[in-house]
Structures are given as C-alpha cells and as structure tokens.
Amino acid sequence: MDDEAMFVRAESLPQAPQQHMTVRVHTPIGSAVVLWRGAPREADGQHLIEWTVDADINWGQNPRPAAATEPELRQEGDRVIMRGRLHLTDDGAAYLQLGH
C-alpha cells in the first residue's frame, strides 16, 4: 500500500450543472464532502486516495495545535477539517499524517 494514500469509501452526491463533481468520502477517522478529480463513473466504491490541500500552510492561521491527539476528518460548513501530525521534510515541504 502507498504510504501517502488513504483507503476510503466514496459515494456520489447529486450534482449541480456546471460545477465540479463532489463526493462524500468515508474514512476510519471521519467523513467529508470533497472534490472528485477522477472519472465520474468511477466515483462510487472503495479507493486509495491522496489528499491535496490547495492552501498554503500559515502557522497560527490554518494549522493550529490540537487539544486531542487522535487523527480526525470532519466537515464544518464548506471547510474540511483534518487533524493529524504535521511533518516537515528536508526540502521544506509539509505533510499531514492522518493515521498509522
């Protein structure tokens, strides 16, 4: 299994015309509605996915220390909240560990 991927169950949602496709993903640590970048006919079912976050990490603004230590995925309005352990690589990139 890919170390950067997470096994999820995805289910298609009703789609509005002219919008990007969204799915609800169910994981061992929670669920959320997210954009689907794959083929629409392949959305429903079990998938290994890699999360992409389209925002810069600005400490104290979007990432913050968490009171709880266990990983979590949840939805708050139009935001997806991911809780895990933030790591920095030698080349300055960051990744969020959401499980084992």
Protein backbone atom coordinates (compact mmCIF):
# COMPACT_ATOMS: atom_id res chain seq x y z
CA MET A 1 0.00 0.00 0.00
CA ASP A 2 1.17 3.52 -0.81
CA ASP A 3 2.42 5.31 2.34
CA GLU A 4 0.87 8.61 1.22
CA ALA A 5 -2.57 7.19 0.37
CA MET A 6 -5.67 6.55 2.47
CA PHE A 7 -8.29 3.86 1.86
CA VAL A 8 -11.80 5.40 1.68
CA ARG A 9 -15.32 4.61 0.54
CA ALA A 10 -16.68 7.29 -1.79
CA GLU A 11 -20.31 7.92 -2.67
CA SER A 12 -21.58 10.20 -5.43
CA LEU A 13 -23.74 13.16 -4.48
CA PRO A 14 -26.38 14.96 -6.56
CA GLN A 15 -24.52 17.37 -8.81
CA ALA A 16 -25.39 20.91 -9.86
CA PRO A 17 -24.84 21.66 -13.55
CA GLN A 18 -21.55 23.37 -14.46
CA GLN A 19 -19.88 22.58 -11.12
CA HIS A 20 -17.01 20.30 -10.18
CA MET A 21 -18.06 16.84 -9.08
CA THR A 22 -18.21 16.25 -5.33
CA VAL A 23 -18.37 13.01 -3.37
CA ARG A 24 -18.73 12.14 0.28
CA VAL A 25 -15.70 10.17 1.46
CA HIS A 26 -15.93 7.88 4.46
CA THR A 27 -12.70 7.04 6.29
CA PRO A 28 -11.85 5.30 9.55
CA ILE A 29 -11.34 8.78 11.09
CA GLY A 30 -14.43 10.58 9.74
CA SER A 31 -16.17 11.74 6.58
CA ALA A 32 -16.39 14.89 4.46
CA VAL A 33 -17.65 16.17 1.11
CA VAL A 34 -14.74 16.81 -1.25
CA LEU A 35 -13.98 17.44 -4.92
CA TRP A 36 -13.64 14.31 -7.05
CA ARG A 37 -10.85 14.52 -9.65
CA GLY A 38 -11.37 11.07 -11.17
CA ALA A 39 -13.76 9.80 -13.81
CA PRO A 40 -17.36 10.40 -12.68
CA ARG A 41 -18.46 6.80 -13.40
CA GLU A 42 -15.70 5.50 -11.09
CA ALA A 43 -16.56 7.67 -8.04
CA ASP A 44 -18.72 5.20 -6.09
CA GLY A 45 -16.81 2.50 -4.24
CA GLN A 46 -13.57 1.79 -2.42
CA HIS A 47 -10.49 3.82 -3.37
CA LEU A 48 -6.96 4.54 -2.29
CA ILE A 49 -6.76 8.33 -2.37
CA GLU A 50 -4.17 11.00 -1.80
CA TRP A 51 -5.42 14.25 -0.30
CA THR A 52 -4.44 17.53 -1.98
CA VAL A 53 -4.76 20.75 0.00
CA ASP A 54 -4.93 23.85 -2.19
CA ALA A 55 -3.86 26.29 0.52
CA ASP A 56 -0.52 27.38 1.90
CA ILE A 57 0.24 26.39 5.48
CA ASN A 58 0.43 29.55 7.59
CA TRP A 59 1.10 28.59 11.20
CA GLY A 60 -1.43 30.12 13.61
CA GLN A 61 -3.94 30.75 10.82
CA ASN A 62 -4.98 27.49 9.14
CA PRO A 63 -2.96 24.91 11.15
CA ARG A 64 -3.12 25.08 14.94
CA PRO A 65 -2.11 22.82 17.81
CA ALA A 66 -4.95 20.41 18.62
CA ALA A 67 -6.18 19.55 22.10
CA ALA A 68 -6.86 15.94 21.06
CA THR A 69 -4.14 13.62 19.79
CA GLU A 70 -6.15 11.19 17.63
CA PRO A 71 -6.49 11.90 13.88
CA GLU A 72 -9.82 13.21 12.61
CA LEU A 73 -11.57 14.18 9.38
CA ARG A 74 -14.76 16.23 9.58
CA GLN A 75 -16.77 18.92 7.85
CA GLU A 76 -17.53 22.40 9.20
CA GLY A 77 -19.71 24.23 6.70
CA ASP A 78 -17.71 24.47 3.48
CA ARG A 79 -14.41 23.58 5.22
CA VAL A 80 -12.82 20.17 5.62
CA ILE A 81 -11.03 19.86 8.96
CA MET A 82 -8.11 17.41 9.08
CA ARG A 83 -6.39 16.65 12.38
CA GLY A 84 -3.12 14.75 12.42
CA ARG A 85 0.61 15.14 12.97
CA LEU A 86 2.26 17.78 10.77
CA HIS A 87 5.72 16.85 9.46
CA LEU A 88 8.29 18.90 7.56
CA THR A 89 10.61 17.31 5.02
CA ASP A 90 14.26 18.22 4.46
CA ASP A 91 13.33 20.25 1.36
CA GLY A 92 10.77 22.39 3.24
CA ALA A 93 7.59 20.61 2.15
CA ALA A 94 4.97 19.62 4.71
CA TYR A 95 2.68 16.63 5.04
CA LEU A 96 -0.05 15.73 7.49
CA GLN A 97 -0.03 12.21 8.91
CA LEU A 98 -3.67 11.16 9.43
CA GLY A 99 -3.11 7.65 10.72
CA HIS A 100 -0.53 4.91 11.10
